Amino acid sequence: MNFSTCRFCDAKIVSFCDLGESPLANSFLNKNELEMEEPFYRLHAYVCEACYLVQLEEVQSPKKIFKNYAYFSSYSSTWLKHCEDYANRVINRFNLNKNKQVIEIASNDGCLLSFFKEREIPVLGIEPAKNISMKAESSGIPTINRFFNSQLAKELDSKKKQADLLIGNNVLAHVPNLNDFVASLKIILKPKGIITLEFPSLLE
């Protein structure tokens, strides 16, 4: 899927960094694929002249990216420490307890949600990669194995499943339809709920 205008505001985008081509991240080959030609994709970065969102010209299908995802969040000790610190901070700041609901989008193997569950706070993960969502479930983290969009958000809302704390970490870069995604956040957020989102820094 190629974009000629900004994926967020539809304004003009301009090229500023072309890194050539690369295979999908974490798309490791099995023995039978070693002699086959691996697909490569353009890493051509553009920036929006209006909202300054940095984005790739070409976006791959999420189904292709998450078909058999190899990255497990719990493998990173630094990420686990960050998750624990984050959970403790928001639990104390927003007085989260067993009567509150925490929902994480792109929850991976549930390592972040596990720190809320330890404090008896209800959690729900939404994770598109089947192999990783199964790992989360086996660890006791309730996880929906689907892509998050307005359809799923409306289904959750109809079941009175809304968040007091809604979390999304490093997820927007994988979202082809940003406006649908952002609108969906509002649907499953309680009227006085809190959203926290983390983004990678271009400068870092």
N, C-alpha and C. Protein backbone atom coordinates (compact mmCIF):
# COMPACT_ATOMS: atom_id res chain seq x y z
N MET A 1 0.84 -1.18 0.00
CA MET A 1 0.00 0.00 0.00
C MET A 1 0.89 1.25 0.00
N ASN A 2 0.75 2.07 -1.02
CA ASN A 2 1.55 3.29 -1.14
C ASN A 2 0.70 4.52 -0.83
N PHE A 3 1.32 5.52 -0.23
CA PHE A 3 0.63 6.75 0.11
C PHE A 3 1.32 7.93 -0.57
N SER A 4 0.54 8.82 -1.18
CA SER A 4 1.09 10.02 -1.80
C SER A 4 0.80 11.26 -0.96
N THR A 5 -0.09 11.11 0.03
CA THR A 5 -0.39 12.19 0.96
C THR A 5 -0.30 11.65 2.39
N CYS A 6 -0.34 12.54 3.35
CA CYS A 6 -0.17 12.15 4.75
C CYS A 6 -1.25 11.17 5.20
N ARG A 7 -0.84 10.13 5.89
CA ARG A 7 -1.77 9.11 6.37
C ARG A 7 -2.67 9.64 7.48
N PHE A 8 -2.30 10.77 8.08
CA PHE A 8 -3.09 11.31 9.18
C PHE A 8 -3.97 12.48 8.76
N CYS A 9 -3.38 13.47 8.07
CA CYS A 9 -4.16 14.68 7.76
C CYS A 9 -4.37 14.90 6.27
N ASP A 10 -3.81 14.02 5.43
CA ASP A 10 -4.00 14.05 3.98
C ASP A 10 -3.30 15.23 3.30
N ALA A 11 -2.39 15.90 4.00
CA ALA A 11 -1.63 16.99 3.39
C ALA A 11 -0.46 16.42 2.58
N LYS A 12 0.29 17.30 1.95
CA LYS A 12 1.42 16.88 1.12
C LYS A 12 2.55 16.33 1.98
N ILE A 13 3.19 15.26 1.50
CA ILE A 13 4.37 14.72 2.18
C ILE A 13 5.58 14.89 1.27
N VAL A 14 6.75 15.09 1.89
CA VAL A 14 7.97 15.29 1.13
C VAL A 14 9.04 14.30 1.60
N SER A 15 9.85 13.86 0.66
CA SER A 15 10.90 12.89 0.97
C SER A 15 12.04 13.55 1.73
N PHE A 16 12.57 12.85 2.73
CA PHE A 16 13.76 13.38 3.40
C PHE A 16 14.80 12.31 3.72
N CYS A 17 14.47 11.02 3.59
CA CYS A 17 15.46 9.99 3.90
C CYS A 17 15.09 8.68 3.21
N ASP A 18 15.94 8.26 2.27
CA ASP A 18 15.71 7.00 1.57
C ASP A 18 16.78 6.01 1.99
N LEU A 19 16.37 4.99 2.73
CA LEU A 19 17.30 3.98 3.24
C LEU A 19 17.34 2.72 2.37
N GLY A 20 16.83 2.83 1.16
CA GLY A 20 16.88 1.69 0.26
C GLY A 20 15.80 0.68 0.57
N GLU A 21 16.16 -0.60 0.50
CA GLU A 21 15.18 -1.66 0.71
C GLU A 21 15.62 -2.61 1.82
N SER A 22 14.64 -3.25 2.45
CA SER A 22 14.92 -4.16 3.55
C SER A 22 13.81 -5.20 3.64
N PRO A 23 14.14 -6.41 4.10
CA PRO A 23 13.06 -7.37 4.38
C PRO A 23 12.29 -6.93 5.62
N LEU A 24 11.16 -7.54 5.87
CA LEU A 24 10.39 -7.22 7.06
C LEU A 24 11.20 -7.52 8.32
N ALA A 25 11.09 -6.67 9.31
CA ALA A 25 11.79 -6.90 10.58
C ALA A 25 11.30 -8.19 11.22
N ASN A 26 12.23 -8.94 11.79
CA ASN A 26 11.91 -10.20 12.50
C ASN A 26 11.30 -11.27 11.60
N SER A 27 11.48 -11.13 10.29
CA SER A 27 10.94 -12.15 9.37
C SER A 27 12.02 -13.18 9.08
N PHE A 28 12.31 -13.99 10.06
CA PHE A 28 13.39 -14.97 9.93
C PHE A 28 12.99 -16.10 8.99
N LEU A 29 13.96 -16.55 8.20
CA LEU A 29 13.70 -17.60 7.23
C LEU A 29 13.87 -18.98 7.87
N ASN A 30 13.05 -19.93 7.43
CA ASN A 30 13.27 -21.31 7.87
C ASN A 30 14.19 -22.00 6.85
N LYS A 31 14.56 -23.21 7.14
CA LYS A 31 15.54 -23.93 6.33
C LYS A 31 15.09 -24.05 4.87
N ASN A 32 13.80 -24.27 4.66
CA ASN A 32 13.28 -24.45 3.30
C ASN A 32 13.25 -23.16 2.50
N GLU A 33 13.39 -22.02 3.17
CA GLU A 33 13.31 -20.73 2.49
C GLU A 33 14.67 -20.13 2.17
N LEU A 34 15.74 -20.79 2.60
CA LEU A 34 17.08 -20.21 2.46
C LEU A 34 17.50 -20.02 1.01
N GLU A 35 17.03 -20.87 0.12
CA GLU A 35 17.40 -20.77 -1.29
C GLU A 35 16.41 -19.93 -2.09
N MET A 36 15.38 -19.44 -1.43
CA MET A 36 14.36 -18.64 -2.11
C MET A 36 14.68 -17.15 -1.98
N GLU A 37 14.19 -16.38 -2.92
CA GLU A 37 14.40 -14.93 -2.87
C GLU A 37 13.48 -14.31 -1.83
N GLU A 38 14.06 -13.60 -0.89
CA GLU A 38 13.28 -12.98 0.18
C GLU A 38 12.72 -11.64 -0.28
N PRO A 39 11.44 -11.37 -0.01
CA PRO A 39 10.85 -10.08 -0.41
C PRO A 39 11.52 -8.91 0.32
N PHE A 40 11.80 -7.85 -0.42
CA PHE A 40 12.34 -6.62 0.16
C PHE A 40 11.34 -5.48 -0.04
N TYR A 41 11.37 -4.52 0.87
CA TYR A 41 10.42 -3.41 0.82
C TYR A 41 11.16 -2.09 1.03
N ARG A 42 10.61 -1.03 0.45
CA ARG A 42 11.28 0.27 0.49
C ARG A 42 11.19 0.89 1.88
N LEU A 43 12.32 1.41 2.33
CA LEU A 43 12.38 2.19 3.57
C LEU A 43 12.62 3.65 3.19
N HIS A 44 11.60 4.25 2.62
CA HIS A 44 11.70 5.62 2.12
C HIS A 44 10.84 6.50 3.03
N ALA A 45 11.49 7.31 3.86
CA ALA A 45 10.78 8.11 4.85
C ALA A 45 10.37 9.47 4.28
N TYR A 46 9.15 9.86 4.60
CA TYR A 46 8.59 11.15 4.21
C TYR A 46 8.13 11.89 5.46
N VAL A 47 8.00 13.21 5.35
CA VAL A 47 7.46 13.99 6.45
C VAL A 47 6.32 14.85 5.92
N CYS A 48 5.27 14.99 6.72
CA CYS A 48 4.12 15.79 6.32
C CYS A 48 4.43 17.27 6.50
N GLU A 49 4.11 18.07 5.49
CA GLU A 49 4.36 19.52 5.57
C GLU A 49 3.42 20.23 6.54
N ALA A 50 2.28 19.59 6.87
CA ALA A 50 1.31 20.24 7.75
C ALA A 50 1.43 19.81 9.21
N CYS A 51 1.42 18.49 9.46
CA CYS A 51 1.43 18.01 10.85
C CYS A 51 2.78 17.43 11.28
N TYR A 52 3.71 17.33 10.32
CA TYR A 52 5.09 16.87 10.58
C TYR A 52 5.19 15.39 11.00
N LEU A 53 4.16 14.62 10.69
CA LEU A 53 4.24 13.18 10.95
C LEU A 53 5.23 12.55 9.99
N VAL A 54 6.19 11.80 10.53
CA VAL A 54 7.14 11.07 9.70
C VAL A 54 6.55 9.70 9.40
N GLN A 55 6.62 9.29 8.15
CA GLN A 55 5.96 8.06 7.72
C GLN A 55 6.67 7.47 6.53
N LEU A 56 6.49 6.17 6.34
CA LEU A 56 7.03 5.51 5.16
C LEU A 56 6.07 5.66 3.99
N GLU A 57 6.64 5.71 2.81
CA GLU A 57 5.82 5.81 1.60
C GLU A 57 5.01 4.54 1.40
N GLU A 58 5.61 3.40 1.71
CA GLU A 58 4.98 2.11 1.49
C GLU A 58 4.68 1.45 2.83
N VAL A 59 3.45 1.02 3.03
CA VAL A 59 3.04 0.37 4.27
C VAL A 59 2.59 -1.05 3.95
N GLN A 60 3.16 -2.01 4.65
CA GLN A 60 2.80 -3.40 4.42
C GLN A 60 1.53 -3.79 5.17
N SER A 61 0.87 -4.81 4.67
CA SER A 61 -0.34 -5.32 5.30
C SER A 61 -0.02 -5.80 6.71
N PRO A 62 -0.79 -5.36 7.71
CA PRO A 62 -0.56 -5.84 9.07
C PRO A 62 -0.65 -7.37 9.17
N LYS A 63 -1.51 -7.98 8.37
CA LYS A 63 -1.63 -9.44 8.40
C LYS A 63 -0.31 -10.09 8.00
N LYS A 64 0.39 -9.48 7.07
CA LYS A 64 1.68 -10.01 6.64
C LYS A 64 2.73 -9.83 7.74
N ILE A 65 2.72 -8.69 8.39
CA ILE A 65 3.70 -8.39 9.43
C ILE A 65 3.52 -9.30 10.64
N PHE A 66 2.27 -9.53 11.03
CA PHE A 66 2.00 -10.24 12.28
C PHE A 66 1.61 -11.70 12.10
N LYS A 67 1.84 -12.24 10.91
CA LYS A 67 1.46 -13.63 10.64
C LYS A 67 2.14 -14.59 11.61
N ASN A 68 3.43 -14.42 11.82
CA ASN A 68 4.16 -15.25 12.78
C ASN A 68 5.23 -14.36 13.41
N TYR A 69 4.80 -13.49 14.30
CA TYR A 69 5.66 -12.44 14.85
C TYR A 69 6.70 -13.02 15.79
N ALA A 70 7.93 -12.57 15.66
CA ALA A 70 9.03 -13.18 16.42
C ALA A 70 9.45 -12.38 17.65
N TYR A 71 8.91 -11.17 17.82
CA TYR A 71 9.35 -10.34 18.95
C TYR A 71 8.43 -10.54 20.16
N PHE A 72 9.00 -10.97 21.26
CA PHE A 72 8.28 -11.11 22.53
C PHE A 72 8.80 -10.06 23.50
N SER A 73 7.91 -9.21 23.98
CA SER A 73 8.32 -8.09 24.85
C SER A 73 9.04 -8.56 26.10
N SER A 74 8.64 -9.69 26.64
CA SER A 74 9.20 -10.16 27.91
C SER A 74 10.65 -10.62 27.79
N TYR A 75 11.18 -10.69 26.55
CA TYR A 75 12.57 -11.09 26.37
C TYR A 75 13.55 -9.97 26.72
N SER A 76 13.04 -8.74 26.82
CA SER A 76 13.90 -7.58 27.08
C SER A 76 13.84 -7.19 28.55
N SER A 77 14.96 -7.32 29.25
CA SER A 77 14.99 -6.97 30.68
C SER A 77 14.78 -5.47 30.90
N THR A 78 15.30 -4.65 29.98
CA THR A 78 15.11 -3.20 30.12
C THR A 78 13.64 -2.82 29.90
N TRP A 79 12.98 -3.51 28.97
CA TRP A 79 11.56 -3.23 28.73
C TRP A 79 10.72 -3.67 29.93
N LEU A 80 11.05 -4.82 30.52
CA LEU A 80 10.33 -5.29 31.70
C LEU A 80 10.45 -4.29 32.85
N LYS A 81 11.65 -3.74 33.02
CA LYS A 81 11.84 -2.73 34.08
C LYS A 81 11.00 -1.50 33.80
N HIS A 82 10.97 -1.08 32.54
CA HIS A 82 10.15 0.07 32.15
C HIS A 82 8.68 -0.22 32.43
N CYS A 83 8.22 -1.42 32.10
CA CYS A 83 6.82 -1.80 32.32
C CYS A 83 6.46 -1.75 33.80
N GLU A 84 7.34 -2.28 34.63
CA GLU A 84 7.08 -2.28 36.07
C GLU A 84 7.03 -0.86 36.63
N ASP A 85 7.96 -0.02 36.20
CA ASP A 85 7.98 1.37 36.66
C ASP A 85 6.73 2.11 36.19
N TYR A 86 6.36 1.89 34.93
CA TYR A 86 5.17 2.54 34.37
C TYR A 86 3.92 2.12 35.15
N ALA A 87 3.76 0.81 35.36
CA ALA A 87 2.57 0.31 36.06
C ALA A 87 2.47 0.89 37.46
N ASN A 88 3.55 0.88 38.19
CA ASN A 88 3.53 1.43 39.55
C ASN A 88 3.18 2.92 39.54
N ARG A 89 3.70 3.63 38.55
CA ARG A 89 3.47 5.08 38.48
C ARG A 89 1.99 5.40 38.19
N VAL A 90 1.40 4.73 37.19
CA VAL A 90 0.02 5.06 36.83
C VAL A 90 -0.98 4.51 37.84
N ILE A 91 -0.66 3.37 38.45
CA ILE A 91 -1.55 2.83 39.49
C ILE A 91 -1.67 3.83 40.64
N ASN A 92 -0.55 4.38 41.05
CA ASN A 92 -0.55 5.34 42.16
C ASN A 92 -1.15 6.68 41.75
N ARG A 93 -0.83 7.13 40.55
CA ARG A 93 -1.29 8.46 40.13
C ARG A 93 -2.80 8.49 39.89
N PHE A 94 -3.35 7.41 39.30
CA PHE A 94 -4.77 7.41 38.93
C PHE A 94 -5.62 6.54 39.85
N ASN A 95 -5.04 6.10 40.95
CA ASN A 95 -5.77 5.32 41.95
C ASN A 95 -6.47 4.11 41.34
N LEU A 96 -5.74 3.35 40.55
CA LEU A 96 -6.31 2.17 39.91
C LEU A 96 -6.45 1.05 40.94
N ASN A 97 -7.56 0.31 40.85
CA ASN A 97 -7.82 -0.78 41.79
C ASN A 97 -8.66 -1.86 41.11
N LYS A 98 -9.16 -2.81 41.89
CA LYS A 98 -9.89 -3.95 41.33
C LYS A 98 -11.21 -3.56 40.67
N ASN A 99 -11.64 -2.32 40.87
CA ASN A 99 -12.88 -1.84 40.24
C ASN A 99 -12.62 -1.08 38.94
N LYS A 100 -11.37 -1.02 38.52
CA LYS A 100 -11.00 -0.32 37.29
C LYS A 100 -10.60 -1.34 36.22
N GLN A 101 -10.67 -0.91 34.96
CA GLN A 101 -10.33 -1.79 33.84
C GLN A 101 -9.15 -1.21 33.05
N VAL A 102 -8.13 -2.03 32.85
CA VAL A 102 -6.98 -1.64 32.03
C VAL A 102 -7.02 -2.44 30.73
N ILE A 103 -6.93 -1.75 29.60
CA ILE A 103 -6.89 -2.40 28.29
C ILE A 103 -5.63 -1.93 27.57
N GLU A 104 -4.90 -2.89 27.00
CA GLU A 104 -3.71 -2.55 26.22
C GLU A 104 -3.88 -3.01 24.79
N ILE A 105 -3.63 -2.10 23.85
CA ILE A 105 -3.68 -2.42 22.42
C ILE A 105 -2.28 -2.80 21.97
N ALA A 106 -2.19 -3.86 21.18
CA ALA A 106 -0.90 -4.43 20.79
C ALA A 106 -0.14 -4.84 22.05
N SER A 107 -0.77 -5.72 22.82
CA SER A 107 -0.29 -6.07 24.16
C SER A 107 0.82 -7.11 24.16
N ASN A 108 1.19 -7.61 22.99
CA ASN A 108 2.26 -8.59 22.85
C ASN A 108 2.01 -9.77 23.79
N ASP A 109 3.01 -10.19 24.54
CA ASP A 109 2.84 -11.39 25.38
C ASP A 109 2.28 -11.08 26.77
N GLY A 110 1.80 -9.85 26.94
CA GLY A 110 1.12 -9.49 28.18
C GLY A 110 2.02 -9.11 29.33
N CYS A 111 3.30 -8.87 29.06
CA CYS A 111 4.23 -8.60 30.16
C CYS A 111 3.87 -7.31 30.90
N LEU A 112 3.43 -6.27 30.19
CA LEU A 112 3.04 -5.04 30.88
C LEU A 112 1.79 -5.26 31.72
N LEU A 113 0.80 -5.91 31.14
CA LEU A 113 -0.45 -6.13 31.86
C LEU A 113 -0.26 -7.00 33.10
N SER A 114 0.77 -7.83 33.08
CA SER A 114 1.00 -8.72 34.23
C SER A 114 1.27 -7.93 35.51
N PHE A 115 1.85 -6.74 35.38
CA PHE A 115 2.14 -5.93 36.56
C PHE A 115 0.86 -5.33 37.16
N PHE A 116 -0.16 -5.13 36.32
CA PHE A 116 -1.46 -4.69 36.83
C PHE A 116 -2.20 -5.87 37.46
N LYS A 117 -2.12 -7.01 36.80
CA LYS A 117 -2.80 -8.20 37.32
C LYS A 117 -2.27 -8.58 38.70
N GLU A 118 -0.97 -8.41 38.91
CA GLU A 118 -0.38 -8.70 40.22
C GLU A 118 -1.02 -7.87 41.33
N ARG A 119 -1.54 -6.70 40.94
CA ARG A 119 -2.20 -5.82 41.92
C ARG A 119 -3.72 -6.00 41.90
N GLU A 120 -4.18 -7.10 41.28
CA GLU A 120 -5.60 -7.47 41.21
C GLU A 120 -6.44 -6.45 40.46
N ILE A 121 -5.85 -5.80 39.47
CA ILE A 121 -6.57 -4.87 38.60
C ILE A 121 -6.97 -5.63 37.33
N PRO A 122 -8.25 -5.61 36.93
CA PRO A 122 -8.69 -6.33 35.74
C PRO A 122 -7.98 -5.83 34.48
N VAL A 123 -7.54 -6.77 33.65
CA VAL A 123 -6.79 -6.41 32.44
C VAL A 123 -7.38 -7.12 31.23
N LEU A 124 -7.13 -6.53 30.06
CA LEU A 124 -7.49 -7.14 28.78
C LEU A 124 -6.47 -6.71 27.74
N GLY A 125 -5.91 -7.67 27.04
CA GLY A 125 -4.98 -7.37 25.96
C GLY A 125 -5.64 -7.56 24.60
N ILE A 126 -5.20 -6.78 23.63
CA ILE A 126 -5.62 -6.94 22.24
C ILE A 126 -4.35 -7.09 21.42
N GLU A 127 -4.16 -8.25 20.80
CA GLU A 127 -2.90 -8.57 20.13
C GLU A 127 -3.16 -9.31 18.82
N PRO A 128 -2.68 -8.77 17.68
CA PRO A 128 -2.97 -9.39 16.38
C PRO A 128 -2.18 -10.65 16.07
N ALA A 129 -1.01 -10.82 16.66
CA ALA A 129 -0.17 -11.99 16.35
C ALA A 129 -0.67 -13.20 17.15
N LYS A 130 -1.10 -14.23 16.44
CA LYS A 130 -1.71 -15.38 17.11
C LYS A 130 -0.75 -16.08 18.05
N ASN A 131 0.50 -16.29 17.59
CA ASN A 131 1.45 -17.02 18.42
C ASN A 131 1.76 -16.28 19.72
N ILE A 132 1.77 -14.96 19.65
CA ILE A 132 2.08 -14.17 20.84
C ILE A 132 0.87 -14.04 21.77
N SER A 133 -0.32 -13.90 21.18
CA SER A 133 -1.52 -13.83 22.02
C SER A 133 -1.73 -15.14 22.77
N MET A 134 -1.37 -16.26 22.15
CA MET A 134 -1.47 -17.56 22.82
C MET A 134 -0.52 -17.63 24.02
N LYS A 135 0.66 -17.04 23.86
CA LYS A 135 1.62 -16.99 24.97
C LYS A 135 1.05 -16.17 26.12
N ALA A 136 0.42 -15.05 25.79
CA ALA A 136 -0.18 -14.20 26.83
C ALA A 136 -1.28 -14.95 27.57
N GLU A 137 -2.14 -15.63 26.81
CA GLU A 137 -3.23 -16.40 27.42
C GLU A 137 -2.68 -17.48 28.35
N SER A 138 -1.61 -18.15 27.92
CA SER A 138 -1.03 -19.21 28.75
C SER A 138 -0.42 -18.66 30.03
N SER A 139 -0.12 -17.35 30.02
CA SER A 139 0.42 -16.70 31.22
C SER A 139 -0.68 -16.10 32.09
N GLY A 140 -1.93 -16.32 31.69
CA GLY A 140 -3.05 -15.84 32.50
C GLY A 140 -3.52 -14.44 32.18
N ILE A 141 -3.11 -13.90 31.01
CA ILE A 141 -3.53 -12.56 30.60
C ILE A 141 -4.63 -12.69 29.56
N PRO A 142 -5.89 -12.31 29.87
CA PRO A 142 -6.97 -12.38 28.88
C PRO A 142 -6.61 -11.54 27.65
N THR A 143 -6.64 -12.18 26.47
CA THR A 143 -6.17 -11.50 25.26
C THR A 143 -7.07 -11.81 24.08
N ILE A 144 -7.47 -10.76 23.36
CA ILE A 144 -8.25 -10.92 22.14
C ILE A 144 -7.28 -10.94 20.97
N ASN A 145 -7.32 -12.01 20.17
CA ASN A 145 -6.41 -12.15 19.03
C ASN A 145 -7.05 -11.55 17.78
N ARG A 146 -7.01 -10.20 17.72
CA ARG A 146 -7.57 -9.48 16.57
C ARG A 146 -6.82 -8.16 16.41
N PHE A 147 -6.98 -7.58 15.21
CA PHE A 147 -6.47 -6.23 14.99
C PHE A 147 -7.45 -5.24 15.61
N PHE A 148 -6.92 -4.21 16.24
CA PHE A 148 -7.78 -3.20 16.85
C PHE A 148 -8.24 -2.21 15.79
N ASN A 149 -9.54 -2.04 15.69
CA ASN A 149 -10.13 -1.06 14.76
C ASN A 149 -11.51 -0.69 15.28
N SER A 150 -12.23 0.12 14.51
CA SER A 150 -13.53 0.61 14.98
C SER A 150 -14.54 -0.52 15.15
N GLN A 151 -14.44 -1.55 14.31
CA GLN A 151 -15.37 -2.67 14.44
C GLN A 151 -15.20 -3.38 15.79
N LEU A 152 -13.96 -3.69 16.15
CA LEU A 152 -13.71 -4.34 17.43
C LEU A 152 -14.06 -3.42 18.59
N ALA A 153 -13.75 -2.14 18.45
CA ALA A 153 -14.06 -1.18 19.52
C ALA A 153 -15.56 -1.13 19.79
N LYS A 154 -16.36 -1.15 18.73
CA LYS A 154 -17.82 -1.11 18.89
C LYS A 154 -18.33 -2.40 19.54
N GLU A 155 -17.71 -3.52 19.19
CA GLU A 155 -18.10 -4.80 19.81
C GLU A 155 -17.81 -4.78 21.31
N LEU A 156 -16.65 -4.27 21.68
CA LEU A 156 -16.31 -4.19 23.10
C LEU A 156 -17.23 -3.22 23.83
N ASP A 157 -17.54 -2.11 23.19
CA ASP A 157 -18.43 -1.12 23.79
C ASP A 157 -19.82 -1.71 24.03
N SER A 158 -20.30 -2.52 23.08
CA SER A 158 -21.62 -3.14 23.21
C SER A 158 -21.67 -4.13 24.37
N LYS A 159 -20.49 -4.64 24.75
CA LYS A 159 -20.39 -5.58 25.88
C LYS A 159 -20.00 -4.86 27.17
N LYS A 160 -20.08 -3.53 27.15
CA LYS A 160 -19.74 -2.70 28.31
C LYS A 160 -18.29 -2.90 28.75
N LYS A 161 -17.43 -3.19 27.79
CA LYS A 161 -16.01 -3.38 28.09
C LYS A 161 -15.25 -2.12 27.66
N GLN A 162 -15.13 -1.18 28.59
CA GLN A 162 -14.43 0.07 28.34
C GLN A 162 -13.30 0.24 29.35
N ALA A 163 -12.36 1.08 28.99
CA ALA A 163 -11.13 1.20 29.78
C ALA A 163 -11.12 2.43 30.67
N ASP A 164 -10.67 2.23 31.91
CA ASP A 164 -10.30 3.35 32.77
C ASP A 164 -8.90 3.82 32.41
N LEU A 165 -8.06 2.85 32.00
CA LEU A 165 -6.73 3.16 31.48
C LEU A 165 -6.55 2.39 30.18
N LEU A 166 -6.30 3.12 29.10
CA LEU A 166 -6.11 2.53 27.77
C LEU A 166 -4.67 2.78 27.34
N ILE A 167 -3.95 1.70 27.02
CA ILE A 167 -2.51 1.79 26.76
C ILE A 167 -2.21 1.40 25.32
N GLY A 168 -1.30 2.15 24.68
CA GLY A 168 -0.80 1.78 23.36
C GLY A 168 0.67 2.16 23.26
N ASN A 169 1.54 1.16 23.19
CA ASN A 169 2.98 1.42 23.12
C ASN A 169 3.56 0.96 21.79
N ASN A 170 4.21 1.88 21.09
CA ASN A 170 4.87 1.54 19.82
C ASN A 170 3.94 0.82 18.85
N VAL A 171 2.72 1.32 18.74
CA VAL A 171 1.73 0.66 17.90
C VAL A 171 1.35 1.49 16.67
N LEU A 172 1.35 2.82 16.78
CA LEU A 172 0.85 3.65 15.68
C LEU A 172 1.63 3.47 14.38
N ALA A 173 2.91 3.15 14.49
CA ALA A 173 3.73 2.98 13.28
C ALA A 173 3.28 1.79 12.45
N HIS A 174 2.53 0.87 13.05
CA HIS A 174 2.06 -0.32 12.35
C HIS A 174 0.62 -0.17 11.85
N VAL A 175 0.02 1.00 12.07
CA VAL A 175 -1.40 1.19 11.75
C VAL A 175 -1.56 1.86 10.39
N PRO A 176 -2.20 1.18 9.42
CA PRO A 176 -2.38 1.81 8.10
C PRO A 176 -3.43 2.92 8.10
N ASN A 177 -4.50 2.77 8.91
CA ASN A 177 -5.57 3.77 8.95
C ASN A 177 -5.54 4.47 10.31
N LEU A 178 -4.77 5.55 10.38
CA LEU A 178 -4.57 6.23 11.66
C LEU A 178 -5.84 6.86 12.21
N ASN A 179 -6.65 7.43 11.33
CA ASN A 179 -7.85 8.11 11.80
C ASN A 179 -8.87 7.14 12.38
N ASP A 180 -9.02 5.98 11.76
CA ASP A 180 -9.91 4.96 12.30
C ASP A 180 -9.40 4.49 13.66
N PHE A 181 -8.10 4.31 13.76
CA PHE A 181 -7.49 3.84 15.01
C PHE A 181 -7.74 4.84 16.14
N VAL A 182 -7.47 6.11 15.88
CA VAL A 182 -7.63 7.13 16.92
C VAL A 182 -9.10 7.28 17.32
N ALA A 183 -10.00 7.23 16.34
CA ALA A 183 -11.43 7.31 16.65
C ALA A 183 -11.88 6.12 17.49
N SER A 184 -11.27 4.96 17.25
CA SER A 184 -11.62 3.75 17.99
C SER A 184 -11.20 3.83 19.44
N LEU A 185 -10.12 4.57 19.71
CA LEU A 185 -9.68 4.73 21.10
C LEU A 185 -10.78 5.38 21.94
N LYS A 186 -11.44 6.36 21.37
CA LYS A 186 -12.49 7.08 22.10
C LYS A 186 -13.66 6.16 22.42
N ILE A 187 -13.95 5.23 21.51
CA ILE A 187 -15.10 4.35 21.68
C ILE A 187 -14.97 3.48 22.93
N ILE A 188 -13.76 2.97 23.18
CA ILE A 188 -13.61 2.04 24.32
C ILE A 188 -13.03 2.71 25.56
N LEU A 189 -12.97 4.02 25.55
CA LEU A 189 -12.49 4.75 26.73
C LEU A 189 -13.68 5.26 27.55
N LYS A 190 -13.66 5.01 28.84
CA LYS A 190 -14.71 5.53 29.71
C LYS A 190 -14.67 7.06 29.72
N PRO A 191 -15.79 7.72 30.04
CA PRO A 191 -15.85 9.19 29.99
C PRO A 191 -14.72 9.89 30.74
N LYS A 192 -14.28 9.34 31.86
CA LYS A 192 -13.18 9.94 32.62
C LYS A 192 -11.93 9.07 32.56
N GLY A 193 -11.84 8.26 31.51
CA GLY A 193 -10.69 7.37 31.35
C GLY A 193 -9.44 8.10 30.89
N ILE A 194 -8.32 7.40 30.97
CA ILE A 194 -7.01 7.95 30.61
C ILE A 194 -6.41 7.11 29.49
N ILE A 195 -5.83 7.78 28.49
CA ILE A 195 -5.08 7.11 27.44
C ILE A 195 -3.60 7.47 27.60
N THR A 196 -2.73 6.47 27.53
CA THR A 196 -1.30 6.75 27.43
C THR A 196 -0.76 6.06 26.19
N LEU A 197 -0.02 6.81 25.39
CA LEU A 197 0.58 6.29 24.16
C LEU A 197 2.07 6.58 24.17
N GLU A 198 2.87 5.63 23.73
CA GLU A 198 4.31 5.83 23.61
C GLU A 198 4.70 5.72 22.14
N PHE A 199 5.61 6.60 21.72
CA PHE A 199 6.05 6.65 20.33
C PHE A 199 7.57 6.59 20.26
N PRO A 200 8.11 6.01 19.21
CA PRO A 200 9.57 6.09 19.02
C PRO A 200 9.96 7.52 18.66
N SER A 201 11.16 7.92 19.04
CA SER A 201 11.65 9.26 18.73
C SER A 201 12.55 9.21 17.51
N LEU A 202 12.25 10.02 16.52
CA LEU A 202 13.06 10.08 15.30
C LEU A 202 14.48 10.54 15.62
N LEU A 203 14.61 11.49 16.53
CA LEU A 203 15.93 12.05 16.86
C LEU A 203 16.79 11.06 17.63
N GLU A 204 16.17 10.12 18.32
CA GLU A 204 16.92 9.16 19.11
C GLU A 204 17.08 7.82 18.41
